[in-house]
Protein backbone atom coordinates (compact mmCIF):
# COMPACT_ATOMS: atom_id res chain seq x y z
CA MET A 1 -57.03 -69.71 -46.08
CA GLU A 2 -56.73 -69.72 -42.31
CA ASN A 3 -55.97 -66.44 -40.56
CA THR A 4 -53.18 -67.49 -38.17
CA LEU A 5 -51.35 -64.16 -38.00
CA GLY A 6 -54.18 -62.00 -36.74
CA LEU A 7 -54.66 -59.88 -39.85
CA SER A 8 -56.38 -56.55 -39.40
CA LEU A 9 -59.89 -56.04 -40.71
CA GLY A 10 -58.49 -53.88 -43.52
CA GLN A 11 -56.05 -56.62 -44.51
CA LYS A 12 -58.85 -59.18 -44.53
CA PHE A 13 -60.94 -56.96 -46.81
CA GLU A 14 -57.96 -56.39 -49.12
CA MET A 15 -57.32 -60.14 -49.34
CA GLU A 16 -60.98 -60.75 -50.18
CA ARG A 17 -60.96 -57.97 -52.80
CA ILE A 18 -57.88 -59.37 -54.53
CA SER A 19 -59.16 -62.93 -54.25
CA ARG A 20 -62.40 -61.94 -55.98
CA ALA A 21 -60.48 -60.10 -58.70
CA ILE A 22 -58.40 -63.23 -59.35
CA ASP A 23 -61.51 -65.43 -59.40
CA SER A 24 -63.25 -63.15 -61.89
CA GLU A 25 -60.29 -62.86 -64.30
CA ALA A 26 -60.37 -65.20 -67.29
CA ASP A 27 -57.41 -63.81 -69.26
CA PRO A 28 -54.35 -66.03 -68.66
CA THR A 29 -51.99 -63.15 -69.46
CA VAL A 30 -53.55 -61.00 -66.75
CA LEU A 31 -53.48 -63.91 -64.30
CA ARG A 32 -49.77 -64.46 -65.03
CA GLY A 33 -49.14 -60.79 -64.36
CA ILE A 34 -50.99 -60.99 -61.05
CA ALA A 35 -49.05 -64.13 -60.11
CA LYS A 36 -45.74 -62.42 -60.84
CA GLN A 37 -46.73 -59.37 -58.79
CA LEU A 38 -47.71 -61.61 -55.87
CA LEU A 39 -44.46 -63.57 -56.17
CA ASN A 40 -42.49 -60.33 -56.11
CA ALA A 41 -44.43 -59.05 -53.08
CA TRP A 42 -43.96 -62.36 -51.25
CA GLN A 43 -40.20 -62.46 -51.84
CA THR A 44 -39.83 -58.79 -50.93
CA GLN A 45 -41.71 -59.42 -47.69
CA LYS A 46 -39.52 -62.43 -46.92
CA ALA A 47 -36.38 -60.33 -47.45
CA ALA A 48 -37.74 -57.53 -45.25
CA THR A 49 -38.68 -59.97 -42.50
CA SER A 50 -35.24 -61.56 -42.62
CA TRP A 51 -33.59 -58.13 -42.42
CA VAL A 52 -35.70 -57.13 -39.40
CA ILE A 53 -34.89 -60.40 -37.62
CA LYS A 54 -31.16 -59.93 -38.27
CA GLN A 55 -31.37 -56.35 -36.99
CA GLN A 56 -33.16 -57.52 -33.84
CA ILE A 57 -30.62 -60.29 -33.22
CA SER A 58 -27.76 -57.85 -33.76
CA SER A 59 -29.38 -55.31 -31.44
CA ASP A 60 -29.98 -57.96 -28.75
CA SER A 61 -26.37 -59.16 -28.91
CA ASN A 62 -25.07 -55.59 -28.38
CA ILE A 63 -26.87 -55.28 -25.03
């Protein structure tokens, strides 16, 4: 996966750690659980990003 957002070194290490954990897991039930956690985190991040953008737009229009 290409690093286009300039992730910090800590974030890169965390991604590698989780990637290795996924690669080493053979239990489909555990993998499904990980996938659901990642889906939840992704959607939560999308919602937070959207909220921040709306706040910024609202703040800019009040100037």
